Amino acid sequence: MIAKTPKPPYYAVIFTSVRTEGDKGYSEMADLMLELAQQQNGFLGVESAREDVGITVSYWRDLDAIKSWKENSEHKIARERGRKEWYKNFKTRIAKVERDYEF
């Protein structure tokens, strides 16, 4: 599903990853992280796709909202498990959305 975002500017956090084999609790944690992110002040939406490379883009009102999410204690636990168990490789990018349009 395509996220319904407000008029720019806002921010996108782009998380690109290559998974390890097996679930190892990943699906359950991913569902929990989505639920928690949706409760965060400044969260605007999320889009995700997975093939050989997974890409999740979350949208945020501002950099302070992104920082608060990064400091969330349960999110910290998930990131640590990701480093140790779930990802062969990953990268996070933060971008300012200055323009968007739809057809």
N, C-alpha and C. Protein backbone atom coordinates (compact mmCIF):
# COMPACT_ATOMS: atom_id res chain seq x y z
N MET A 1 0.84 -1.17 0.00
CA MET A 1 0.00 0.00 0.00
C MET A 1 0.89 1.25 0.00
N ILE A 2 0.45 2.25 -0.72
CA ILE A 2 1.18 3.51 -0.80
C ILE A 2 0.73 4.41 0.35
N ALA A 3 1.69 4.92 1.10
CA ALA A 3 1.39 5.77 2.25
C ALA A 3 0.77 7.08 1.80
N LYS A 4 -0.20 7.55 2.56
CA LYS A 4 -0.81 8.86 2.31
C LYS A 4 -0.05 9.87 3.16
N THR A 5 0.77 10.64 2.53
CA THR A 5 1.60 11.60 3.23
C THR A 5 1.06 13.02 3.04
N PRO A 6 1.42 13.92 3.95
CA PRO A 6 0.96 15.31 3.82
C PRO A 6 1.75 16.04 2.74
N LYS A 7 1.38 17.27 2.52
CA LYS A 7 2.12 18.13 1.61
C LYS A 7 3.55 18.30 2.14
N PRO A 8 4.57 18.16 1.27
CA PRO A 8 5.95 18.34 1.72
C PRO A 8 6.18 19.76 2.24
N PRO A 9 7.23 19.95 3.01
CA PRO A 9 8.31 19.01 3.27
C PRO A 9 8.01 18.06 4.44
N TYR A 10 8.61 16.89 4.35
CA TYR A 10 8.64 15.90 5.41
C TYR A 10 9.86 15.02 5.14
N TYR A 11 10.09 14.02 5.95
CA TYR A 11 11.30 13.22 5.82
C TYR A 11 10.98 11.76 5.55
N ALA A 12 11.90 11.11 4.83
CA ALA A 12 11.81 9.68 4.56
C ALA A 12 13.03 8.99 5.15
N VAL A 13 12.79 7.91 5.88
CA VAL A 13 13.86 7.04 6.35
C VAL A 13 13.80 5.79 5.47
N ILE A 14 14.86 5.56 4.72
CA ILE A 14 14.91 4.46 3.76
C ILE A 14 15.82 3.39 4.33
N PHE A 15 15.23 2.24 4.65
CA PHE A 15 15.98 1.12 5.23
C PHE A 15 16.04 0.01 4.18
N THR A 16 17.25 -0.27 3.71
CA THR A 16 17.48 -1.29 2.70
C THR A 16 18.24 -2.44 3.36
N SER A 17 17.79 -3.68 3.08
CA SER A 17 18.41 -4.81 3.78
C SER A 17 18.44 -6.08 2.94
N VAL A 18 19.37 -6.94 3.31
CA VAL A 18 19.43 -8.32 2.80
C VAL A 18 19.32 -9.21 4.03
N ARG A 19 18.31 -10.08 4.04
CA ARG A 19 18.02 -10.92 5.20
C ARG A 19 18.91 -12.16 5.27
N THR A 20 19.04 -12.68 6.48
CA THR A 20 19.62 -13.99 6.70
C THR A 20 18.54 -15.03 6.44
N GLU A 21 18.89 -16.29 6.43
CA GLU A 21 17.92 -17.38 6.22
C GLU A 21 17.06 -17.57 7.46
N GLY A 22 15.81 -17.93 7.28
CA GLY A 22 14.93 -18.26 8.39
C GLY A 22 14.33 -17.03 9.04
N ASP A 23 13.22 -17.24 9.74
CA ASP A 23 12.49 -16.12 10.35
C ASP A 23 13.10 -15.67 11.67
N LYS A 24 13.36 -16.61 12.57
CA LYS A 24 14.00 -16.33 13.87
C LYS A 24 13.31 -15.21 14.65
N GLY A 25 11.98 -15.12 14.54
CA GLY A 25 11.24 -14.09 15.26
C GLY A 25 11.13 -12.77 14.52
N TYR A 26 11.64 -12.71 13.31
CA TYR A 26 11.65 -11.47 12.55
C TYR A 26 10.25 -10.93 12.27
N SER A 27 9.36 -11.79 11.78
CA SER A 27 8.01 -11.35 11.39
C SER A 27 7.26 -10.76 12.57
N GLU A 28 7.36 -11.42 13.71
CA GLU A 28 6.69 -10.92 14.91
C GLU A 28 7.24 -9.55 15.32
N MET A 29 8.57 -9.41 15.27
CA MET A 29 9.19 -8.14 15.65
C MET A 29 8.84 -7.05 14.63
N ALA A 30 8.80 -7.39 13.35
CA ALA A 30 8.45 -6.41 12.32
C ALA A 30 7.03 -5.88 12.55
N ASP A 31 6.11 -6.76 12.89
CA ASP A 31 4.73 -6.34 13.18
C ASP A 31 4.69 -5.42 14.39
N LEU A 32 5.45 -5.77 15.43
CA LEU A 32 5.50 -4.94 16.64
C LEU A 32 6.10 -3.57 16.34
N MET A 33 7.17 -3.53 15.55
CA MET A 33 7.81 -2.25 15.23
C MET A 33 6.86 -1.35 14.44
N LEU A 34 6.09 -1.93 13.51
CA LEU A 34 5.12 -1.14 12.77
C LEU A 34 4.06 -0.57 13.70
N GLU A 35 3.58 -1.40 14.60
CA GLU A 35 2.57 -0.95 15.57
C GLU A 35 3.11 0.18 16.44
N LEU A 36 4.33 0.04 16.92
CA LEU A 36 4.94 1.06 17.77
C LEU A 36 5.24 2.34 16.99
N ALA A 37 5.75 2.20 15.78
CA ALA A 37 6.06 3.38 14.96
C ALA A 37 4.80 4.19 14.70
N GLN A 38 3.69 3.51 14.43
CA GLN A 38 2.43 4.20 14.16
C GLN A 38 1.96 5.01 15.36
N GLN A 39 2.42 4.68 16.54
CA GLN A 39 2.04 5.39 17.76
C GLN A 39 2.97 6.58 18.05
N GLN A 40 4.07 6.68 17.32
CA GLN A 40 5.06 7.73 17.57
C GLN A 40 4.57 9.07 17.04
N ASN A 41 4.79 10.11 17.82
CA ASN A 41 4.49 11.46 17.38
C ASN A 41 5.33 11.78 16.15
N GLY A 42 4.70 12.23 15.08
CA GLY A 42 5.42 12.60 13.88
C GLY A 42 5.48 11.52 12.82
N PHE A 43 4.99 10.31 13.11
CA PHE A 43 4.96 9.24 12.11
C PHE A 43 3.88 9.55 11.08
N LEU A 44 4.22 9.41 9.80
CA LEU A 44 3.29 9.75 8.74
C LEU A 44 2.83 8.56 7.92
N GLY A 45 3.63 7.50 7.86
CA GLY A 45 3.26 6.34 7.05
C GLY A 45 4.47 5.49 6.73
N VAL A 46 4.21 4.36 6.05
CA VAL A 46 5.29 3.43 5.71
C VAL A 46 4.93 2.67 4.43
N GLU A 47 5.96 2.32 3.68
CA GLU A 47 5.83 1.47 2.50
C GLU A 47 6.96 0.45 2.56
N SER A 48 6.68 -0.78 2.12
CA SER A 48 7.69 -1.81 2.22
C SER A 48 7.56 -2.81 1.07
N ALA A 49 8.69 -3.32 0.62
CA ALA A 49 8.74 -4.34 -0.42
C ALA A 49 9.93 -5.25 -0.15
N ARG A 50 9.78 -6.54 -0.49
CA ARG A 50 10.88 -7.47 -0.28
C ARG A 50 10.95 -8.45 -1.43
N GLU A 51 12.12 -8.55 -1.99
CA GLU A 51 12.49 -9.59 -2.93
C GLU A 51 13.85 -10.08 -2.42
N ASP A 52 14.87 -10.01 -3.25
CA ASP A 52 16.22 -10.33 -2.77
C ASP A 52 16.71 -9.25 -1.83
N VAL A 53 16.31 -8.02 -2.10
CA VAL A 53 16.64 -6.88 -1.25
C VAL A 53 15.33 -6.31 -0.71
N GLY A 54 15.29 -6.06 0.59
CA GLY A 54 14.10 -5.46 1.19
C GLY A 54 14.29 -3.97 1.30
N ILE A 55 13.22 -3.24 1.04
CA ILE A 55 13.25 -1.79 1.18
C ILE A 55 12.02 -1.36 1.96
N THR A 56 12.25 -0.68 3.07
CA THR A 56 11.16 -0.11 3.85
C THR A 56 11.41 1.39 3.95
N VAL A 57 10.40 2.16 3.57
CA VAL A 57 10.49 3.61 3.65
C VAL A 57 9.44 4.08 4.65
N SER A 58 9.90 4.70 5.72
CA SER A 58 8.97 5.29 6.68
C SER A 58 9.05 6.81 6.53
N TYR A 59 7.90 7.45 6.72
CA TYR A 59 7.79 8.89 6.53
C TYR A 59 7.53 9.57 7.87
N TRP A 60 8.22 10.70 8.07
CA TRP A 60 8.19 11.39 9.36
C TRP A 60 8.04 12.88 9.17
N ARG A 61 7.40 13.53 10.11
CA ARG A 61 7.16 14.97 10.06
C ARG A 61 8.47 15.76 10.06
N ASP A 62 9.43 15.35 10.91
CA ASP A 62 10.67 16.12 11.03
C ASP A 62 11.78 15.25 11.61
N LEU A 63 12.97 15.83 11.68
CA LEU A 63 14.13 15.07 12.18
C LEU A 63 14.00 14.72 13.66
N ASP A 64 13.32 15.56 14.44
CA ASP A 64 13.12 15.24 15.86
C ASP A 64 12.28 13.98 16.03
N ALA A 65 11.27 13.81 15.18
CA ALA A 65 10.44 12.60 15.25
C ALA A 65 11.27 11.37 14.91
N ILE A 66 12.14 11.47 13.94
CA ILE A 66 13.02 10.35 13.57
C ILE A 66 13.96 10.02 14.72
N LYS A 67 14.51 11.04 15.34
CA LYS A 67 15.42 10.83 16.47
C LYS A 67 14.68 10.16 17.63
N SER A 68 13.47 10.59 17.92
CA SER A 68 12.70 9.97 19.01
C SER A 68 12.44 8.49 18.72
N TRP A 69 12.12 8.17 17.47
CA TRP A 69 11.90 6.77 17.11
C TRP A 69 13.19 5.96 17.26
N LYS A 70 14.30 6.52 16.85
CA LYS A 70 15.58 5.82 16.98
C LYS A 70 15.91 5.55 18.44
N GLU A 71 15.50 6.45 19.33
CA GLU A 71 15.80 6.29 20.76
C GLU A 71 14.77 5.43 21.51
N ASN A 72 13.70 5.01 20.84
CA ASN A 72 12.70 4.14 21.46
C ASN A 72 13.37 2.85 21.93
N SER A 73 13.14 2.47 23.19
CA SER A 73 13.85 1.33 23.78
C SER A 73 13.55 0.01 23.06
N GLU A 74 12.32 -0.21 22.66
CA GLU A 74 12.00 -1.46 21.95
C GLU A 74 12.58 -1.45 20.54
N HIS A 75 12.64 -0.29 19.93
CA HIS A 75 13.25 -0.18 18.61
C HIS A 75 14.76 -0.46 18.70
N LYS A 76 15.39 -0.02 19.77
CA LYS A 76 16.82 -0.30 19.98
C LYS A 76 17.06 -1.81 20.07
N ILE A 77 16.19 -2.52 20.78
CA ILE A 77 16.31 -3.98 20.89
C ILE A 77 16.17 -4.62 19.51
N ALA A 78 15.18 -4.18 18.74
CA ALA A 78 14.98 -4.73 17.40
C ALA A 78 16.19 -4.48 16.50
N ARG A 79 16.76 -3.28 16.58
CA ARG A 79 17.94 -2.98 15.75
C ARG A 79 19.11 -3.88 16.12
N GLU A 80 19.31 -4.11 17.41
CA GLU A 80 20.41 -4.99 17.84
C GLU A 80 20.20 -6.43 17.35
N ARG A 81 18.99 -6.92 17.47
CA ARG A 81 18.69 -8.28 16.96
C ARG A 81 18.89 -8.32 15.45
N GLY A 82 18.53 -7.24 14.78
CA GLY A 82 18.74 -7.18 13.33
C GLY A 82 20.21 -7.31 12.97
N ARG A 83 21.05 -6.60 13.69
CA ARG A 83 22.50 -6.67 13.44
C ARG A 83 23.04 -8.08 13.67
N LYS A 84 22.54 -8.75 14.72
CA LYS A 84 23.07 -10.05 15.12
C LYS A 84 22.42 -11.24 14.40
N GLU A 85 21.12 -11.13 14.09
CA GLU A 85 20.39 -12.31 13.64
C GLU A 85 19.74 -12.21 12.26
N TRP A 86 19.20 -11.05 11.90
CA TRP A 86 18.28 -11.00 10.77
C TRP A 86 18.85 -10.47 9.48
N TYR A 87 19.94 -9.70 9.54
CA TYR A 87 20.43 -9.06 8.32
C TYR A 87 21.86 -9.46 7.99
N LYS A 88 22.07 -9.82 6.72
CA LYS A 88 23.43 -10.02 6.21
C LYS A 88 24.07 -8.66 5.97
N ASN A 89 23.24 -7.72 5.51
CA ASN A 89 23.71 -6.38 5.19
C ASN A 89 22.52 -5.43 5.26
N PHE A 90 22.77 -4.20 5.65
CA PHE A 90 21.70 -3.21 5.67
C PHE A 90 22.27 -1.80 5.62
N LYS A 91 21.43 -0.87 5.25
CA LYS A 91 21.83 0.54 5.22
C LYS A 91 20.58 1.38 5.47
N THR A 92 20.76 2.45 6.23
CA THR A 92 19.68 3.40 6.50
C THR A 92 20.07 4.75 5.92
N ARG A 93 19.12 5.35 5.21
CA ARG A 93 19.32 6.68 4.63
C ARG A 93 18.16 7.57 5.07
N ILE A 94 18.44 8.83 5.29
CA ILE A 94 17.41 9.79 5.65
C ILE A 94 17.42 10.90 4.60
N ALA A 95 16.23 11.18 4.06
CA ALA A 95 16.12 12.17 3.00
C ALA A 95 14.96 13.12 3.28
N LYS A 96 15.13 14.34 2.89
CA LYS A 96 14.05 15.33 3.00
C LYS A 96 13.24 15.28 1.70
N VAL A 97 11.95 15.09 1.85
CA VAL A 97 11.05 15.10 0.69
C VAL A 97 10.61 16.54 0.48
N GLU A 98 10.97 17.08 -0.66
CA GLU A 98 10.64 18.47 -0.96
C GLU A 98 9.48 18.59 -1.93
N ARG A 99 9.21 17.50 -2.64
CA ARG A 99 8.13 17.51 -3.63
C ARG A 99 7.61 16.10 -3.81
N ASP A 100 6.32 15.95 -3.97
CA ASP A 100 5.74 14.68 -4.37
C ASP A 100 4.52 14.95 -5.24
N TYR A 101 4.14 13.97 -6.00
CA TYR A 101 2.95 14.09 -6.86
C TYR A 101 2.44 12.71 -7.17
N GLU A 102 1.20 12.63 -7.62
CA GLU A 102 0.61 11.36 -7.98
C GLU A 102 -0.20 11.52 -9.25
N PHE A 103 -0.50 10.41 -9.85
CA PHE A 103 -1.26 10.41 -11.11
C PHE A 103 -2.72 10.18 -10.84
